[in-house]
Amino acid sequence: MKTKTIWASLFAALALIVPRVALAEEPCRTLDFEGIPFTVCEARAGDDIRLWLRDGTGALIGTPERLRAQLAPTERLVFAMNAGMYAPDRQPVGLYVENGEEVRPIVTAEGPGNFGLLPNGVFCIGERLRVIESRAFAAERPACRFATQSGPMLVIDGALHPRFLPDSDSTNIRNGVGVSAAGDRAWFVISDRPVTFHRFARFFRDRLGARDALYLDGSISRLIVPAEGRADLGLPMGPIVGVVAPADGQD
């Protein structure tokens, strides 16, 4: 009986340890908020976070298969999602910076649709990870290795976008990005069920603690996580954001 008790204690201890190790190795996790599941993929400042639009021949990338083909043999894709709104020709609607080169200029005027619902903003990947209101970005012109503009802002310095209604009946699958106050972390999120703007913004602020967050898109939103076998179905994308890491066995 004493031996059985010892083994039972060891198995109980392992049951507590193993799930934590497995979870730490997963690039994304599912969090519940008000009965709705959200998938969250976290990146840190210093991680290899990139934006993609076209390949070396000038052709639009758009699909997970073509995206993976852009990586070197020593690289692997950790996760990726659509990185903002785009026109019918899949060109970014607003600012787009890739490898320090401005491909599309910033748009600061109010306009139609979600993108033009001011304030909108820019996700900037530089020494820090930042989500900056578009007009503030235009005035400051921070150095960004990569940047994408989208809208509306979800959270602005801890406050929800003033146009969001808590009792709205407009729901959709939505994805966005939020950042920590220190700029050391970014959370890339997709709702796994349709949600309102108000609930999506509150998830960033109240569940993740994001001080600033930016809406990326809705009905076209999709997430790719190769290690988990996830590749959401959808039409080819415009700009794409993702994280790259060394391939298995590479330093």
Protein backbone atom coordinates (compact mmCIF):
# COMPACT_ATOMS: atom_id res chain seq x y z
CA MET A 1 0.00 0.00 0.00
CA LYS A 2 2.85 2.36 0.82
CA THR A 3 4.45 1.75 -2.62
CA LYS A 4 1.14 2.41 -4.39
CA THR A 5 0.76 5.64 -2.44
CA ILE A 6 4.24 6.79 -3.50
CA TRP A 7 3.56 6.04 -7.18
CA ALA A 8 0.16 7.75 -6.99
CA SER A 9 1.83 10.84 -5.56
CA LEU A 10 4.44 10.82 -8.34
CA PHE A 11 1.80 10.52 -11.07
CA ALA A 12 -0.22 13.32 -9.48
CA ALA A 13 2.86 15.54 -9.44
CA LEU A 14 3.58 14.72 -13.10
CA ALA A 15 0.00 15.52 -14.05
CA LEU A 16 0.52 18.99 -12.64
CA ILE A 17 3.91 19.52 -14.31
CA VAL A 18 3.43 18.11 -17.82
CA PRO A 19 0.51 20.30 -18.95
CA ARG A 20 2.43 23.42 -17.94
CA VAL A 21 5.47 22.37 -19.99
CA ALA A 22 3.29 21.59 -23.04
CA LEU A 23 1.44 24.88 -22.75
CA ALA A 24 4.70 26.84 -22.57
CA GLU A 25 5.78 25.28 -25.87
CA GLU A 26 2.58 26.25 -27.70
CA PRO A 27 2.78 29.49 -29.70
CA CYS A 28 -0.85 30.40 -29.06
CA ARG A 29 -3.43 29.77 -26.39
CA THR A 30 -7.20 30.03 -26.02
CA LEU A 31 -8.61 32.34 -23.37
CA ASP A 32 -12.25 32.63 -22.35
CA PHE A 33 -13.82 36.05 -21.88
CA GLU A 34 -17.49 36.38 -21.00
CA GLY A 35 -18.17 32.93 -22.42
CA ILE A 36 -16.40 33.62 -25.74
CA PRO A 37 -13.14 31.86 -26.73
CA PHE A 38 -10.33 34.00 -28.11
CA THR A 39 -7.06 32.67 -29.55
CA VAL A 40 -4.07 34.74 -28.41
CA CYS A 41 -0.59 34.53 -29.94
CA GLU A 42 2.00 36.49 -27.97
CA ALA A 43 5.24 37.99 -29.28
CA ARG A 44 8.02 39.85 -27.49
CA ALA A 45 10.09 42.82 -28.55
CA GLY A 46 13.16 41.27 -30.13
CA ASP A 47 11.22 38.39 -31.67
CA ASP A 48 11.38 38.14 -35.46
CA ILE A 49 8.03 39.78 -36.21
CA ARG A 50 7.52 40.54 -39.90
CA LEU A 51 5.03 41.89 -42.40
CA TRP A 52 4.63 40.42 -45.87
CA LEU A 53 2.82 41.65 -48.97
CA ARG A 54 4.68 40.61 -52.15
CA ASP A 55 7.28 38.01 -53.00
CA GLY A 56 10.59 38.58 -54.76
CA THR A 57 8.90 38.62 -58.16
CA GLY A 58 6.40 41.28 -57.11
CA ALA A 59 3.47 38.85 -56.89
CA LEU A 60 1.10 39.15 -53.95
CA ILE A 61 1.68 36.41 -51.37
CA GLY A 62 -1.78 36.10 -49.84
CA THR A 63 -1.91 32.42 -48.82
CA PRO A 64 -0.28 30.30 -46.10
CA GLU A 65 1.44 28.11 -48.69
CA ARG A 66 2.99 31.06 -50.52
CA LEU A 67 3.93 32.66 -47.20
CA ARG A 68 5.88 29.62 -46.02
CA ALA A 69 7.67 29.59 -49.37
CA GLN A 70 9.13 33.02 -48.52
CA LEU A 71 11.07 31.60 -45.56
CA ALA A 72 14.63 30.34 -45.66
CA PRO A 73 15.25 26.61 -45.07
CA THR A 74 16.62 27.54 -41.64
CA GLU A 75 13.37 29.33 -40.67
CA ARG A 76 9.90 28.26 -39.64
CA LEU A 77 6.64 30.15 -39.33
CA VAL A 78 5.37 30.33 -35.76
CA PHE A 79 2.05 31.99 -36.57
CA ALA A 80 0.57 34.52 -38.97
CA MET A 81 -2.66 36.43 -39.55
CA ASN A 82 -4.02 39.14 -41.82
CA ALA A 83 -2.42 42.48 -40.94
CA GLY A 84 -4.99 45.11 -41.79
CA MET A 85 -7.48 46.24 -44.37
CA TYR A 86 -6.87 46.24 -48.08
CA ALA A 87 -8.48 47.33 -51.34
CA PRO A 88 -10.04 44.91 -53.87
CA ASP A 89 -6.59 44.56 -55.50
CA ARG A 90 -5.28 43.55 -52.04
CA GLN A 91 -3.13 46.66 -51.68
CA PRO A 92 -3.04 48.06 -48.11
CA VAL A 93 -5.58 50.84 -47.55
CA GLY A 94 -3.23 52.90 -45.37
CA LEU A 95 0.37 53.08 -44.24
CA TYR A 96 2.46 50.03 -44.99
CA VAL A 97 6.19 49.78 -44.19
CA GLU A 98 8.24 46.68 -44.96
CA ASN A 99 11.91 46.33 -44.04
CA GLY A 100 12.07 50.08 -43.38
CA GLU A 101 10.65 51.01 -46.80
CA GLU A 102 7.35 52.91 -46.98
CA VAL A 103 5.26 51.12 -49.58
CA ARG A 104 2.00 53.01 -48.95
CA PRO A 105 1.59 56.42 -47.25
CA ILE A 106 -0.35 57.11 -44.08
CA VAL A 107 -4.00 58.20 -44.31
CA THR A 108 -5.18 60.61 -41.61
CA ALA A 109 -8.54 61.75 -43.04
CA GLU A 110 -11.86 60.41 -41.83
CA GLY A 111 -13.52 58.12 -44.33
CA PRO A 112 -16.06 55.35 -44.90
CA GLY A 113 -16.05 51.94 -43.28
CA ASN A 114 -14.22 50.69 -40.23
CA PHE A 115 -10.85 51.97 -41.42
CA GLY A 116 -12.13 55.56 -41.54
CA LEU A 117 -13.83 55.39 -38.13
CA LEU A 118 -11.40 57.72 -36.37
CA PRO A 119 -9.34 57.34 -34.35
CA ASN A 120 -7.59 54.62 -36.31
CA GLY A 121 -3.98 53.63 -35.79
CA VAL A 122 -0.67 52.08 -36.76
CA PHE A 123 1.05 48.97 -35.44
CA CYS A 124 4.77 49.76 -35.44
CA ILE A 125 7.48 47.12 -35.07
CA GLY A 126 10.71 48.81 -34.02
CA GLU A 127 12.87 48.68 -30.91
CA ARG A 128 9.55 48.60 -29.08
CA LEU A 129 6.16 47.29 -30.15
CA ARG A 130 3.68 50.13 -30.42
CA VAL A 131 0.10 50.85 -31.46
CA ILE A 132 -0.12 54.57 -32.19
CA GLU A 133 -3.11 56.71 -33.20
CA SER A 134 -2.61 57.64 -36.88
CA ARG A 135 -2.44 61.42 -36.53
CA ALA A 136 -0.04 61.10 -33.61
CA PHE A 137 2.04 58.74 -35.74
CA ALA A 138 2.08 61.24 -38.63
CA ALA A 139 3.30 63.97 -36.27
CA GLU A 140 5.94 61.83 -34.55
CA ARG A 141 7.13 59.70 -37.47
CA PRO A 142 8.74 57.00 -35.30
CA ALA A 143 11.25 54.60 -36.81
CA CYS A 144 9.50 51.34 -37.71
CA ARG A 145 11.13 48.35 -39.32
CA PHE A 146 7.62 47.21 -40.22
CA ALA A 147 4.32 49.09 -39.86
CA THR A 148 0.70 48.61 -40.86
CA GLN A 149 -2.22 51.00 -40.54
CA SER A 150 -5.75 49.84 -39.84
CA GLY A 151 -8.81 50.93 -37.96
CA PRO A 152 -10.55 51.62 -35.83
CA MET A 153 -8.43 51.73 -32.72
CA LEU A 154 -9.88 49.36 -30.13
CA VAL A 155 -8.17 50.74 -27.03
CA ILE A 156 -6.55 54.17 -26.81
CA ASP A 157 -4.40 54.74 -23.71
CA GLY A 158 -6.62 52.43 -21.70
CA ALA A 159 -9.94 53.78 -22.98
CA LEU A 160 -12.29 52.08 -25.43
CA HIS A 161 -13.00 53.69 -28.79
CA PRO A 162 -15.75 56.26 -28.09
CA ARG A 163 -18.00 54.98 -30.89
CA PHE A 164 -18.32 51.42 -29.59
CA LEU A 165 -21.73 50.49 -28.17
CA PRO A 166 -22.04 47.88 -25.40
CA ASP A 167 -25.47 46.82 -26.66
CA SER A 168 -24.57 46.64 -30.36
CA ASP A 169 -25.98 43.68 -32.30
CA SER A 170 -23.24 43.82 -34.97
CA THR A 171 -21.07 40.76 -34.44
CA ASN A 172 -18.31 39.20 -36.49
CA ILE A 173 -15.17 37.09 -36.25
CA ARG A 174 -12.55 39.77 -35.56
CA ASN A 175 -8.78 39.98 -35.26
CA GLY A 176 -6.48 42.65 -33.90
CA VAL A 177 -3.24 43.45 -32.11
CA GLY A 178 -2.62 44.99 -28.72
CA VAL A 179 0.56 46.02 -26.92
CA SER A 180 1.73 46.33 -23.35
CA ALA A 181 2.37 49.73 -21.81
CA ALA A 182 6.13 49.06 -21.82
CA GLY A 183 6.10 48.01 -25.48
CA ASP A 184 7.77 44.71 -24.67
CA ARG A 185 4.87 42.48 -25.67
CA ALA A 186 2.27 42.29 -28.40
CA TRP A 187 -0.84 40.13 -28.42
CA PHE A 188 -2.25 39.00 -31.76
CA VAL A 189 -5.84 37.93 -31.20
CA ILE A 190 -8.67 36.39 -33.18
CA SER A 191 -12.13 35.77 -31.76
CA ASP A 192 -13.18 32.17 -32.27
CA ARG A 193 -16.82 33.21 -32.29
CA PRO A 194 -18.51 36.39 -33.60
CA VAL A 195 -18.22 39.33 -31.17
CA THR A 196 -19.05 43.03 -31.07
CA PHE A 197 -16.39 45.71 -31.28
CA HIS A 198 -17.12 46.60 -27.65
CA ARG A 199 -16.49 43.08 -26.35
CA PHE A 200 -13.42 42.62 -28.56
CA ALA A 201 -11.91 45.87 -27.24
CA ARG A 202 -12.70 44.95 -23.64
CA PHE A 203 -10.96 41.61 -24.11
CA PHE A 204 -7.75 43.46 -24.96
CA ARG A 205 -8.08 45.94 -22.13
CA ASP A 206 -9.65 43.89 -19.34
CA ARG A 207 -8.39 40.38 -20.04
CA LEU A 208 -4.93 41.07 -21.51
CA GLY A 209 -4.18 44.44 -19.93
CA ALA A 210 -3.36 46.13 -23.25
CA ARG A 211 -3.07 49.92 -23.06
CA ASP A 212 -3.45 50.30 -26.81
CA ALA A 213 -4.99 47.94 -29.35
CA LEU A 214 -5.83 48.08 -33.04
CA TYR A 215 -8.51 46.34 -35.08
CA LEU A 216 -7.10 44.53 -38.08
CA ASP A 217 -10.23 43.16 -39.77
CA GLY A 218 -13.42 41.14 -39.49
CA SER A 219 -15.04 38.74 -41.93
CA ILE A 220 -11.75 37.98 -43.73
CA SER A 221 -9.87 37.35 -40.47
CA ARG A 222 -7.83 34.16 -40.39
CA LEU A 223 -5.03 32.64 -38.32
CA ILE A 224 -2.28 30.22 -39.33
CA VAL A 225 -0.42 28.23 -36.63
CA PRO A 226 1.53 25.43 -38.37
CA ALA A 227 2.63 23.66 -35.18
CA GLU A 228 -1.01 23.28 -34.16
CA GLY A 229 -2.24 22.36 -37.63
CA ARG A 230 -4.40 25.47 -37.77
CA ALA A 231 -4.88 27.19 -41.11
CA ASP A 232 -8.20 29.02 -41.20
CA LEU A 233 -9.93 28.91 -44.56
CA GLY A 234 -10.51 32.12 -46.47
CA LEU A 235 -9.76 34.19 -49.53
CA PRO A 236 -6.17 35.31 -50.28
CA MET A 237 -5.05 38.08 -47.91
CA GLY A 238 -3.42 41.44 -48.45
CA PRO A 239 -0.78 42.35 -45.85
CA ILE A 240 0.16 39.56 -43.45
CA VAL A 241 1.83 39.76 -40.03
CA GLY A 242 3.59 36.89 -38.34
CA VAL A 243 6.46 35.60 -36.26
CA VAL A 244 9.40 33.59 -37.60
CA ALA A 245 11.77 31.42 -35.55
CA PRO A 246 14.74 29.16 -36.34
CA ALA A 247 13.73 25.83 -37.81
CA ASP A 248 13.92 22.83 -35.50
CA GLY A 249 17.55 21.96 -34.92
CA GLN A 250 18.78 25.42 -35.92
CA ASP A 251 20.41 27.85 -33.49
